[in-house]
Protein backbone atom coordinates (compact mmCIF):
# COMPACT_ATOMS: atom_id res chain seq x y z
CA MET A 1 0.83 4.14 15.21
CA PHE A 2 3.04 1.09 14.57
CA PHE A 3 6.11 3.46 15.01
CA ASN A 4 7.24 7.00 15.10
CA GLN A 5 7.00 7.90 11.46
CA LYS A 6 8.95 11.11 11.70
CA LYS A 7 11.94 9.43 13.55
CA ILE A 8 12.03 6.74 10.79
CA TYR A 9 11.72 9.26 7.97
CA CYS A 10 14.74 11.24 9.44
CA THR A 11 16.77 8.02 9.95
CA LEU A 12 16.20 6.84 6.34
CA LEU A 13 17.14 10.27 4.90
CA LEU A 14 20.40 10.38 7.04
CA LEU A 15 21.28 6.80 5.93
CA GLY A 16 20.65 7.73 2.27
CA LEU A 17 22.87 10.70 2.55
CA TYR A 18 25.45 8.94 4.21
CA SER A 19 25.53 6.06 1.73
CA SER A 20 25.79 8.38 -1.35
CA THR A 21 28.81 10.40 0.16
CA ALA A 22 30.67 8.30 2.67
CA SER A 23 34.00 6.82 2.20
CA SER A 24 36.73 5.61 4.48
CA ALA A 25 39.24 8.15 5.76
CA GLY A 26 42.42 8.39 3.43
CA HIS A 27 42.55 6.10 0.44
CA VAL A 28 39.15 5.39 -1.12
CA GLN A 29 38.86 1.79 -2.39
CA THR A 30 36.19 1.08 -5.13
CA HIS A 31 33.89 -1.99 -4.81
CA PRO A 32 32.67 -2.93 -8.21
CA PRO A 33 29.10 -4.55 -7.90
CA VAL A 34 28.74 -8.40 -7.83
CA HIS A 35 26.34 -9.44 -10.67
CA ARG A 36 24.04 -12.10 -9.91
CA ASN A 37 21.26 -14.10 -11.85
CA GLY A 38 18.62 -12.74 -9.51
CA TYR A 39 17.38 -12.42 -6.02
CA GLY A 40 14.21 -12.62 -3.83
CA LEU A 41 12.76 -10.28 -1.40
CA ILE A 42 10.66 -11.00 1.64
CA GLN A 43 9.08 -7.83 2.97
CA ALA A 44 6.93 -6.67 5.90
CA GLY A 45 5.81 -3.29 7.24
CA GLY A 46 2.98 -1.06 8.33
CA SER A 47 0.52 0.77 5.81
CA TRP A 48 -1.74 3.82 6.24
CA VAL A 49 -4.78 3.48 3.75
CA HIS A 50 -6.95 6.39 2.68
CA GLN A 51 -10.23 5.36 1.31
CA GLY A 52 -13.94 5.86 1.40
CA GLN A 53 -16.21 8.12 -0.53
CA ALA A 54 -19.28 10.24 0.58
CA GLN A 55 -21.90 9.72 -2.06
CA HIS A 56 -25.69 9.61 -2.75
CA ILE A 57 -27.32 6.21 -3.25
CA ASN A 58 -30.38 6.35 -5.47
CA ILE A 59 -33.29 4.20 -4.65
CA ASP A 60 -36.22 3.32 -7.00
CA GLY A 61 -39.22 5.18 -5.92
CA LEU A 62 -37.55 7.13 -3.15
CA ILE A 63 -35.23 10.10 -2.91
CA GLY A 64 -32.42 7.97 -1.75
CA ASP A 65 -29.88 7.75 0.97
CA ASP A 66 -26.72 9.86 1.60
CA PHE A 67 -23.57 7.92 2.91
CA THR A 68 -21.15 10.19 4.80
CA VAL A 69 -17.61 9.31 5.78
CA THR A 70 -16.26 10.01 9.34
CA ASN A 71 -12.88 8.31 8.85
CA HIS A 72 -10.97 8.07 5.66
CA THR A 73 -7.72 6.64 7.10
CA ASP A 74 -6.84 3.36 8.79
CA GLU A 75 -3.60 1.43 9.23
CA ASN A 76 -2.61 -2.15 9.44
CA PHE A 77 0.44 -4.48 8.47
CA LEU A 78 1.34 -5.36 5.03
CA VAL A 79 3.63 -8.30 3.78
CA GLY A 80 5.18 -8.71 0.27
CA LEU A 81 7.14 -11.17 -1.79
CA ALA A 82 9.23 -10.34 -4.72
CA TYR A 83 11.65 -11.81 -7.41
CA PHE A 84 13.98 -9.70 -9.35
CA VAL A 85 16.31 -10.53 -12.40
CA ASP A 86 19.42 -8.50 -12.73
CA GLY A 87 19.41 -6.32 -15.80
CA HIS A 88 21.55 -3.48 -17.29
CA HIS A 89 24.61 -2.32 -15.35
CA THR A 90 26.34 1.05 -15.42
CA LYS A 91 28.76 2.89 -13.36
CA LEU A 92 26.01 4.85 -11.80
CA PHE A 93 23.46 2.35 -11.28
CA ASP A 94 22.29 -1.25 -11.78
CA MET A 95 18.84 -2.16 -13.04
CA ALA A 96 16.66 -5.14 -11.96
CA TYR A 97 13.21 -6.16 -13.22
CA GLY A 98 10.62 -8.56 -11.61
CA LEU A 99 7.49 -9.25 -10.00
CA ASN A 100 6.40 -7.84 -6.44
CA ALA A 101 3.05 -9.00 -4.78
CA TYR A 102 1.72 -7.42 -1.61
CA TYR A 103 -1.18 -8.16 0.98
CA LEU A 104 -2.34 -5.05 2.70
CA ALA A 105 -4.34 -6.35 5.72
CA LYS A 106 -7.86 -5.33 6.54
CA THR A 107 -8.65 -1.60 7.12
CA SER A 108 -12.05 -0.06 7.76
CA VAL A 109 -14.23 2.82 6.74
CA ASN A 110 -17.05 4.23 9.04
CA GLY A 111 -19.78 6.79 8.42
CA TYR A 112 -23.46 7.70 8.67
CA VAL A 113 -26.48 6.96 6.46
CA ILE A 114 -28.90 9.96 6.07
CA GLN A 115 -32.08 8.29 4.94
CA GLU A 116 -34.05 10.16 2.31
CA GLY A 117 -31.53 13.08 2.80
CA LEU A 118 -33.11 13.96 6.25
CA PHE A 119 -32.90 11.17 8.92
CA LYS A 120 -29.55 10.37 10.28
CA ASN A 121 -30.57 7.05 12.06
CA LEU A 122 -27.96 4.57 10.95
CA SER A 123 -24.11 4.33 11.02
CA TYR A 124 -22.33 1.87 8.75
CA HIS A 125 -19.11 0.11 8.54
CA TYR A 126 -17.14 -2.07 6.03
CA ASN A 127 -13.69 -3.51 5.66
CA VAL A 128 -11.39 -3.63 2.61
CA GLU A 129 -8.34 -5.80 1.90
CA HIS A 130 -5.86 -5.32 -0.96
CA PHE A 131 -3.66 -7.70 -2.97
CA PRO A 132 -1.77 -5.76 -5.51
CA ILE A 133 0.69 -7.47 -8.00
CA TYR A 134 3.14 -5.42 -9.84
CA VAL A 135 5.64 -5.68 -12.80
CA MET A 136 8.62 -3.76 -11.33
CA ALA A 137 11.80 -1.87 -12.35
CA ARG A 138 14.31 -0.77 -9.87
CA ALA A 139 17.60 1.06 -9.92
CA ALA A 140 20.25 0.51 -7.35
CA LEU A 141 22.53 3.45 -7.21
CA ASN A 142 26.31 2.65 -6.83
CA THR A 143 27.72 4.46 -3.85
CA LYS A 144 31.25 4.74 -2.54
CA ASN A 145 30.29 3.08 0.60
CA PRO A 146 30.16 -0.81 0.38
CA ASN A 147 27.90 -1.18 3.48
CA TYR A 148 25.08 0.93 2.26
CA GLY A 149 23.20 1.57 -0.95
CA LEU A 150 20.11 3.48 -2.25
CA ILE A 151 17.31 1.72 -4.25
CA ILE A 152 14.51 3.55 -6.24
CA ASP A 153 11.87 1.48 -7.87
CA ALA A 154 8.40 1.67 -9.47
CA GLY A 155 5.71 -0.79 -10.83
CA ILE A 156 2.29 -1.08 -12.28
CA GLY A 157 -0.16 -4.02 -12.29
CA PRO A 158 -3.58 -5.04 -11.02
CA ASN A 159 -4.93 -4.73 -7.44
CA ILE A 160 -7.49 -7.37 -6.23
CA ILE A 161 -9.74 -5.34 -3.95
CA ASN A 162 -11.85 -7.50 -1.45
CA ALA A 163 -14.68 -5.22 -0.11
CA ARG A 164 -16.70 -6.91 2.68
CA ASP A 165 -18.44 -6.95 6.04
CA PHE A 166 -20.70 -4.07 5.08
CA LYS A 167 -23.01 -3.45 8.31
CA GLU A 168 -25.33 -0.90 9.28
CA SER A 169 -26.28 0.01 12.95
CA PRO A 170 -29.17 2.04 14.41
CA LEU A 171 -28.41 5.34 16.37
CA ASP A 172 -31.77 5.56 17.89
CA GLY A 173 -32.23 1.89 18.91
CA GLN A 174 -35.45 1.79 16.81
CA THR A 175 -34.52 2.05 13.09
CA LEU A 176 -34.10 -1.15 11.37
CA PRO A 177 -30.96 -1.57 9.30
CA ASP A 178 -31.09 -2.45 5.68
CA ASN A 179 -27.80 -3.98 5.12
CA VAL A 180 -28.46 -4.31 1.43
CA PHE A 181 -24.79 -4.27 0.13
CA SER A 182 -23.02 -7.50 -0.61
CA ARG A 183 -19.30 -8.41 -0.50
CA ASP A 184 -17.59 -7.96 -3.77
CA THR A 185 -14.08 -8.48 -5.28
CA ALA A 186 -12.80 -6.37 -8.16
CA ALA A 187 -9.64 -6.08 -10.02
CA GLN A 188 -8.33 -2.55 -10.61
CA PHE A 189 -5.34 -0.72 -12.07
CA SER A 190 -2.71 0.02 -9.38
CA ALA A 191 0.80 1.61 -9.31
CA THR A 192 3.51 1.95 -6.86
CA ALA A 193 6.79 3.78 -6.26
CA GLY A 194 9.34 3.58 -3.41
CA ILE A 195 12.83 4.65 -2.26
CA HIS A 196 14.88 2.44 0.20
CA VAL A 197 18.14 2.33 1.95
CA LYS A 198 19.96 -0.84 1.53
CA MET A 199 22.32 -2.16 4.28
CA ASN A 200 24.49 -4.80 2.83
CA ARG A 201 25.96 -6.49 5.98
CA VAL A 202 23.19 -6.87 8.56
CA PHE A 203 22.25 -10.66 9.28
CA HIS A 204 25.40 -12.57 8.43
CA ASP A 205 25.94 -10.75 5.16
CA VAL A 206 22.16 -10.99 4.23
CA PRO A 207 21.16 -7.49 2.87
CA LEU A 208 18.16 -5.52 4.56
CA GLU A 209 16.48 -2.72 2.74
CA CYS A 210 14.04 -0.22 4.47
CA GLY A 211 12.17 2.69 3.06
CA TYR A 212 9.05 4.42 2.08
CA ARG A 213 6.35 3.09 -0.51
CA PHE A 214 3.43 4.92 -2.04
CA PHE A 215 0.56 2.85 -3.49
CA TYR A 216 -2.36 3.99 -5.69
CA LEU A 217 -4.83 1.09 -5.29
CA GLY A 218 -7.91 1.96 -7.42
CA LYS A 219 -11.46 1.91 -6.34
CA GLY A 220 -13.59 -0.84 -4.96
CA HIS A 221 -17.28 -1.16 -4.56
CA PHE A 222 -20.32 -3.16 -3.08
CA TYR A 223 -23.38 -4.14 -5.13
CA SER A 224 -26.90 -4.22 -3.71
CA PHE A 225 -28.81 -7.49 -2.88
CA THR A 226 -32.04 -5.72 -4.35
CA GLU A 227 -32.69 -4.11 -7.73
CA GLN A 228 -34.52 -1.15 -5.81
CA VAL A 229 -31.15 0.29 -4.93
CA ILE A 230 -29.94 1.65 -8.11
CA ASP A 231 -26.18 2.64 -7.37
CA PRO A 232 -23.42 0.62 -5.95
CA LEU A 233 -21.49 1.90 -2.87
CA ASN A 234 -17.96 2.84 -3.82
CA THR A 235 -14.88 2.87 -1.66
CA GLY A 236 -13.43 5.86 -3.63
CA ASN A 237 -9.99 6.14 -5.05
CA THR A 238 -7.62 4.38 -2.57
CA TYR A 239 -4.10 5.42 -1.68
CA ALA A 240 -1.58 4.11 0.84
CA ASN A 241 1.68 5.13 2.50
CA ALA A 242 3.87 2.41 3.78
CA LEU A 243 7.06 2.08 5.90
CA ILE A 244 8.56 -1.33 4.80
CA CYS A 245 11.70 -3.55 5.25
CA GLY A 246 12.82 -6.50 3.13
CA LEU A 247 15.40 -9.26 3.48
CA GLU A 248 17.25 -9.86 0.17
CA MET A 249 17.65 -13.61 -0.69
CA GLU A 250 20.36 -14.31 -3.51
CA THR A 251 19.50 -17.07 -5.86
């Protein structure tokens, strides 16, 4: 793991509670929000991606092969870039709308090929990259503490799935791998939601926000080089959990 998830979750929860309740001792001074035209976000973090689907692949003239999955979850880094325009303002929260693009770096799926439903002679491996782009809406909750805030956001859009590097390997040293599936790129529906603690005075008054994000990334696939293989190999419905931080750049 990149970091201890449990400790970070606890830290984010405590900061969120503190930002919503804390005030200076004695007289409480209100701090009205400063309204801007917009702001950018540069984001980075770690993601844990769940993907891979056990399935039967039909082959013309044969019984077909069963593909099992030995690991569904893999982890890697992610980066993101966003731009938001300030929207509706109330006493409780400020709305913003914009675009947010991410790159979820390569993660892998491994499993076994059971030929004709009988012989486990091969293992297989493939890699997947994700490039989701979202139309976002976010609400920044107005708190009593000028140093901290809480942001909740959600978005929908396409995810470009790059499924590649399919490779079979013999388990017995004798069986010849078929390697019949080709690289494929597909656009699928995707959605995301997140909750973040915003720290307003971190790097020379440049705000930093850190939090948790959930991704639904859709389903990718590999097509066969030969017409004898009837079915595509699917990656299954893909989900990701991420811990992410972003620097806010005012424009």
